[in-house]
Amino acid sequence: MRIARFSIDGHVAFGAVEGDGPPGSTDGLVVNIIKGIPFADFELSGTRVPLDQVRLLPPVLPSKVIGIGRNYADHAAELGNEVPSTPVSFLKPSTSVVGHRDPVAYPSFSRDVHYEAELAVVIGRLCRDVPRERVKDVILGYTCANDITARDVQRSDGQWTRAKGFDGACPLGPWVETGIDLATAGDLTVQCTVNGQQRQLGNTKDMVRSIEDLVVHLTEAMTLLPGDVILTGTPAGVGPLNVGDEVAVTIEGIGTLTNKVIQRG
C-alpha cells in the first residue's frame, strides 16, 4: 500500500494511493482517505479524490531523521574516504523535512550544495534495542529521500549539523510504500536526475550495512518513534545543485520524489 499525507481545502489527512500512472506522474491516481493514522489500526473510508487535486505533504512528520554516512563503498571512495569500521550516523532536524514538489531554498552560507539520493526507512512503532529477527516488525515502509548536503560546510565545520540540517535539506516522498519486505528493500535500484539528466544509478544491494544492521545499531543507542526516518546512505555520483535545478530521486517499487532549487528569499 502507498500511504500519502496530503492537504485539501485546508485539511490534512492520510490516504492510500490507488491506480497506475506514468512514472513521476499523478495521472490516473486517486487517494482513498484513511480513517485514522497509519501507525495504528485504520480503515479506508472509500472517499476517493484525484491525486492531482491535493497537495502532497511530507509522508510523515518525524521526531528525528537519522542519516547514515558512507554506507556505499563507491560513494565513500569518490569523496576520498574509507569505509568506516562502524556506521557513521548523524541527525537531521524535523525542520529540514519537506515534501514532493516543495521548493528547496539554497542556503545562504554555502556555495557547494549536493544531492544525495537515498532509500529511507520509515519506523512504524516505538522501539528500542530491536533484535535482528524483529526488525521487520518495527518498519512501516519505505520512501524516497534526498539527503541534501552543503559539502563545503561539511568540510569546514568538521561535523555535519549545519551542512545536512538546514531548512529544506531533507525532501521525503512522495509516499510511504508498505508492501516491500526486507529482502526486496535490499535489492532496489536508486536513481537521481538533475534537469532530466541521470547523475546517480545504484542499488541497495551495494550498501555496506543492511537495513537490519542499521536498525539494530541505532536502537542500541536511542528510542525510535512512529514516523522516525532512517536514511540508508547514497551511491556514487553525488554532485552540485544550482538555483533553478529540478532534482528527482526515483527508487524502484516506490516512486519519484521531485524538488526544485530556488533562491533563498
Protein backbone atom coordinates (compact mmCIF):
# COMPACT_ATOMS: atom_id res chain seq x y z
CA MET A 1 0.00 0.00 0.00
CA ARG A 2 1.18 3.51 -0.85
CA ILE A 3 0.33 5.80 2.07
CA ALA A 4 0.38 9.52 1.39
CA ARG A 5 -0.07 12.50 3.66
CA PHE A 6 -1.81 15.39 1.94
CA SER A 7 -3.81 18.57 2.33
CA ILE A 8 -7.05 19.51 0.62
CA ASP A 9 -9.25 22.54 1.32
CA GLY A 10 -7.17 23.36 4.40
CA HIS A 11 -7.46 19.89 5.90
CA VAL A 12 -4.63 17.40 6.39
CA ALA A 13 -5.19 13.66 6.12
CA PHE A 14 -3.59 10.35 5.24
CA GLY A 15 -4.75 8.28 2.32
CA ALA A 16 -3.96 5.19 0.29
CA VAL A 17 -2.81 6.00 -3.23
CA GLU A 18 -4.59 3.79 -5.75
CA GLY A 19 -4.26 3.29 -9.51
CA ASP A 20 -1.44 3.18 -12.02
CA GLY A 21 0.11 6.03 -13.94
CA PRO A 22 3.29 7.04 -15.72
CA PRO A 23 6.41 7.18 -13.50
CA GLY A 24 6.66 10.51 -11.72
CA SER A 25 3.11 11.49 -12.73
CA THR A 26 -0.14 11.70 -10.78
CA ASP A 27 -2.23 10.92 -13.88
CA GLY A 28 -4.71 8.15 -13.17
CA LEU A 29 -4.01 8.09 -9.43
CA VAL A 30 -6.54 8.68 -6.67
CA VAL A 31 -6.19 8.86 -2.91
CA ASN A 32 -8.59 6.84 -0.73
CA ILE A 33 -8.85 8.79 2.52
CA ILE A 34 -7.85 6.86 5.65
CA LYS A 35 -9.93 6.84 8.82
CA GLY A 36 -7.25 7.22 11.48
CA ILE A 37 -3.48 7.20 11.16
CA PRO A 38 -1.18 4.64 9.54
CA PHE A 39 0.66 3.90 12.81
CA ALA A 40 -2.36 2.13 14.28
CA ASP A 41 -5.31 0.11 13.01
CA PHE A 42 -7.16 2.11 10.37
CA GLU A 43 -9.85 1.77 7.74
CA LEU A 44 -10.17 3.10 4.23
CA SER A 45 -13.10 5.49 4.04
CA GLY A 46 -13.97 4.77 0.41
CA THR A 47 -13.89 8.51 -0.28
CA ARG A 48 -11.55 8.96 -3.23
CA VAL A 49 -10.01 12.18 -4.53
CA PRO A 50 -7.87 12.55 -7.68
CA LEU A 51 -4.29 12.87 -6.55
CA ASP A 52 -3.71 15.89 -8.78
CA GLN A 53 -6.35 17.77 -6.77
CA VAL A 54 -4.48 17.53 -3.47
CA ARG A 55 -1.13 18.82 -2.25
CA LEU A 56 1.22 16.05 -1.21
CA LEU A 57 2.95 16.76 2.10
CA PRO A 58 5.95 15.02 3.63
CA PRO A 59 4.57 11.50 4.13
CA VAL A 60 5.49 11.55 7.84
CA LEU A 61 6.46 14.15 10.43
CA PRO A 62 9.48 12.52 12.10
CA SER A 63 10.68 13.46 15.55
CA LYS A 64 14.12 12.80 14.08
CA VAL A 65 15.77 11.78 10.84
CA ILE A 66 18.89 9.66 11.29
CA GLY A 67 21.32 9.65 8.40
CA ILE A 68 24.00 7.06 7.71
CA GLY A 69 27.19 8.27 6.09
CA ARG A 70 29.48 6.34 3.74
CA ASN A 71 27.25 3.27 3.52
CA TYR A 72 28.17 2.66 -0.12
CA ALA A 73 31.84 1.93 -0.76
CA ASP A 74 31.84 3.68 -4.15
CA HIS A 75 30.45 6.88 -2.61
CA ALA A 76 32.99 6.83 0.20
CA ALA A 77 35.75 6.42 -2.40
CA GLU A 78 34.56 9.26 -4.63
CA LEU A 79 34.95 11.69 -1.72
CA GLY A 80 38.31 10.25 -0.72
CA ASN A 81 37.06 8.47 2.39
CA GLU A 82 37.49 4.95 3.73
CA VAL A 83 34.51 2.78 4.57
CA PRO A 84 34.12 3.25 8.36
CA SER A 85 34.52 0.30 10.70
CA THR A 86 31.20 1.16 12.36
CA PRO A 87 28.23 3.05 10.90
CA VAL A 88 28.63 6.82 10.82
CA SER A 89 25.34 8.36 11.93
CA PHE A 90 24.07 11.93 12.11
CA LEU A 91 20.78 13.69 12.80
CA LYS A 92 18.75 15.93 10.53
CA PRO A 93 16.15 18.01 12.40
CA SER A 94 12.44 17.78 11.68
CA THR A 95 12.60 21.34 10.31
CA SER A 96 14.76 20.10 7.43
CA VAL A 97 11.93 17.91 6.09
CA VAL A 98 9.96 18.97 3.00
CA GLY A 99 7.72 17.01 0.66
CA HIS A 100 7.33 16.14 -3.00
CA ARG A 101 7.28 19.23 -5.22
CA ASP A 102 8.18 21.53 -2.31
CA PRO A 103 10.92 24.03 -3.17
CA VAL A 104 14.36 23.74 -1.61
CA ALA A 105 15.93 27.11 -0.80
CA TYR A 106 19.66 27.26 -1.49
CA PRO A 107 21.32 28.07 1.86
CA SER A 108 22.99 31.47 2.01
CA PHE A 109 26.04 30.12 3.88
CA SER A 110 27.10 27.59 1.19
CA ARG A 111 28.48 27.65 -2.34
CA ASP A 112 28.56 23.88 -2.91
CA VAL A 113 25.25 22.11 -2.27
CA HIS A 114 24.97 18.47 -3.37
CA TYR A 115 22.13 16.00 -3.96
CA GLU A 116 22.24 12.51 -2.39
CA ALA A 117 19.55 10.01 -3.45
CA GLU A 118 18.69 7.53 -0.70
CA LEU A 119 16.25 4.84 0.36
CA ALA A 120 14.51 5.95 3.56
CA VAL A 121 13.17 3.54 6.17
CA VAL A 122 10.03 4.73 7.99
CA ILE A 123 9.56 3.39 11.53
CA GLY A 124 6.06 2.23 12.40
CA ARG A 125 6.16 1.73 16.16
CA LEU A 126 8.02 2.80 19.27
CA CYS A 127 11.10 0.61 19.58
CA ARG A 128 14.39 0.24 21.42
CA ASP A 129 17.05 -2.50 21.49
CA VAL A 130 15.49 -4.20 18.49
CA PRO A 131 16.88 -7.72 17.82
CA ARG A 132 17.64 -8.60 14.22
CA GLU A 133 14.71 -11.01 13.94
CA ARG A 134 12.25 -8.25 14.97
CA VAL A 135 13.45 -5.51 12.62
CA LYS A 136 10.72 -6.30 10.08
CA ASP A 137 8.09 -5.73 12.77
CA VAL A 138 9.09 -2.13 13.52
CA ILE A 139 9.16 -0.87 9.91
CA LEU A 140 6.06 0.78 8.45
CA GLY A 141 7.53 1.06 4.96
CA TYR A 142 9.93 2.90 2.70
CA THR A 143 10.10 6.20 0.86
CA CYS A 144 12.46 8.24 -1.31
CA ALA A 145 14.82 10.74 0.28
CA ASN A 146 17.31 13.36 -0.83
CA ASP A 147 19.99 13.96 1.81
CA ILE A 148 20.88 17.42 0.51
CA THR A 149 24.29 18.47 1.81
CA ALA A 150 26.26 21.72 1.90
CA ARG A 151 29.53 20.00 1.03
CA ASP A 152 31.80 22.97 1.68
CA VAL A 153 30.28 23.49 5.13
CA GLN A 154 30.55 19.78 5.87
CA ARG A 155 34.30 20.06 5.28
CA SER A 156 34.86 23.36 7.09
CA ASP A 157 32.72 22.67 10.16
CA GLY A 158 34.21 19.24 10.82
CA GLN A 159 30.80 17.94 11.82
CA TRP A 160 27.61 17.77 9.83
CA THR A 161 24.84 19.57 11.68
CA ARG A 162 24.63 22.74 9.57
CA ALA A 163 25.72 21.01 6.37
CA LYS A 164 22.89 18.48 6.45
CA GLY A 165 20.36 20.07 8.79
CA PHE A 166 19.39 23.36 7.14
CA ASP A 167 15.77 24.08 6.23
CA GLY A 168 14.75 22.00 3.21
CA ALA A 169 17.75 19.65 3.40
CA CYS A 170 15.60 16.53 3.72
CA PRO A 171 12.99 16.07 0.98
CA LEU A 172 10.90 12.93 1.60
CA GLY A 173 8.16 11.37 -0.52
CA PRO A 174 6.07 11.15 -2.48
CA TRP A 175 4.50 8.50 -0.18
CA VAL A 176 5.38 5.53 2.02
CA GLU A 177 5.29 2.13 0.32
CA THR A 178 4.32 -0.53 2.87
CA GLY A 179 4.29 -3.50 0.50
CA ILE A 180 8.07 -4.03 0.39
CA ASP A 181 9.69 -6.68 2.59
CA LEU A 182 13.24 -6.54 3.90
CA ALA A 183 14.62 -8.84 1.22
CA THR A 184 13.15 -6.69 -1.55
CA ALA A 185 14.29 -3.46 0.13
CA GLY A 186 17.82 -4.84 -0.02
CA ASP A 187 17.77 -5.02 -3.83
CA LEU A 188 16.22 -1.82 -5.20
CA THR A 189 17.52 0.49 -7.92
CA VAL A 190 18.21 4.04 -6.70
CA GLN A 191 18.45 6.85 -9.27
CA CYS A 192 18.89 10.61 -9.25
CA THR A 193 18.38 13.01 -12.13
CA VAL A 194 19.03 16.74 -12.33
CA ASN A 195 17.08 18.57 -15.03
CA GLY A 196 16.28 15.20 -16.56
CA GLN A 197 19.91 14.04 -16.79
CA GLN A 198 20.91 10.96 -14.83
CA ARG A 199 23.52 11.65 -12.15
CA GLN A 200 23.25 8.62 -9.84
CA LEU A 201 22.42 4.98 -10.53
CA GLY A 202 22.93 2.43 -7.78
CA ASN A 203 21.31 -0.43 -5.94
CA THR A 204 20.62 -1.00 -2.27
CA LYS A 205 22.29 -4.43 -2.51
CA ASP A 206 25.57 -2.49 -2.52
CA MET A 207 25.00 -1.00 0.93
CA VAL A 208 27.88 -1.80 3.28
CA ARG A 209 25.47 -2.38 6.14
CA SER A 210 21.96 -3.71 5.69
CA ILE A 211 18.73 -2.22 6.96
CA GLU A 212 18.71 -4.84 9.73
CA ASP A 213 22.25 -3.85 10.74
CA LEU A 214 21.29 -0.18 10.91
CA VAL A 215 18.10 -0.63 12.94
CA VAL A 216 19.87 -2.89 15.45
CA HIS A 217 22.81 -0.48 15.73
CA LEU A 218 20.74 2.67 16.14
CA THR A 219 18.21 1.27 18.61
CA GLU A 220 21.05 0.23 20.91
CA ALA A 221 21.53 3.96 21.46
CA MET A 222 18.12 5.58 21.12
CA THR A 223 14.39 5.01 21.09
CA LEU A 224 12.76 5.36 17.70
CA LEU A 225 9.22 6.71 17.50
CA PRO A 226 6.48 6.09 14.93
CA GLY A 227 7.27 8.22 11.89
CA ASP A 228 11.01 8.46 12.54
CA VAL A 229 13.14 8.01 9.43
CA ILE A 230 16.47 6.32 8.76
CA LEU A 231 18.38 7.40 5.64
CA THR A 232 20.41 4.42 4.46
CA GLY A 233 23.19 6.16 2.52
CA THR A 234 23.77 7.20 -1.08
CA PRO A 235 25.52 5.53 -4.02
CA ALA A 236 28.27 7.19 -6.05
CA GLY A 237 27.56 10.08 -8.40
CA VAL A 238 26.81 12.91 -5.98
CA GLY A 239 27.31 16.39 -7.33
CA PRO A 240 26.30 20.03 -7.19
CA LEU A 241 22.88 21.64 -7.36
CA ASN A 242 22.26 25.19 -8.52
CA VAL A 243 19.35 27.58 -8.23
CA GLY A 244 16.78 26.65 -10.87
CA ASP A 245 17.69 22.95 -10.96
CA GLU A 246 14.99 20.30 -10.68
CA VAL A 247 16.25 17.22 -8.86
CA ALA A 248 14.40 13.90 -8.85
CA VAL A 249 15.05 10.77 -6.79
CA THR A 250 13.47 7.57 -8.13
CA ILE A 251 13.50 4.28 -6.24
CA GLU A 252 12.31 1.06 -7.80
CA GLY A 253 8.94 -0.05 -6.47
CA ILE A 254 8.30 3.21 -4.60
CA GLY A 255 8.09 6.24 -6.90
CA THR A 256 9.73 9.56 -7.70
CA LEU A 257 10.45 12.48 -5.37
CA THR A 258 10.93 15.79 -7.21
CA ASN A 259 12.02 19.18 -5.89
CA LYS A 260 13.18 22.45 -7.43
CA VAL A 261 16.04 24.52 -6.04
CA ILE A 262 15.17 28.19 -5.51
CA GLN A 263 16.99 31.26 -4.32
CA ARG A 264 16.56 31.83 -0.60
CA GLY A 265 14.49 34.92 -0.07
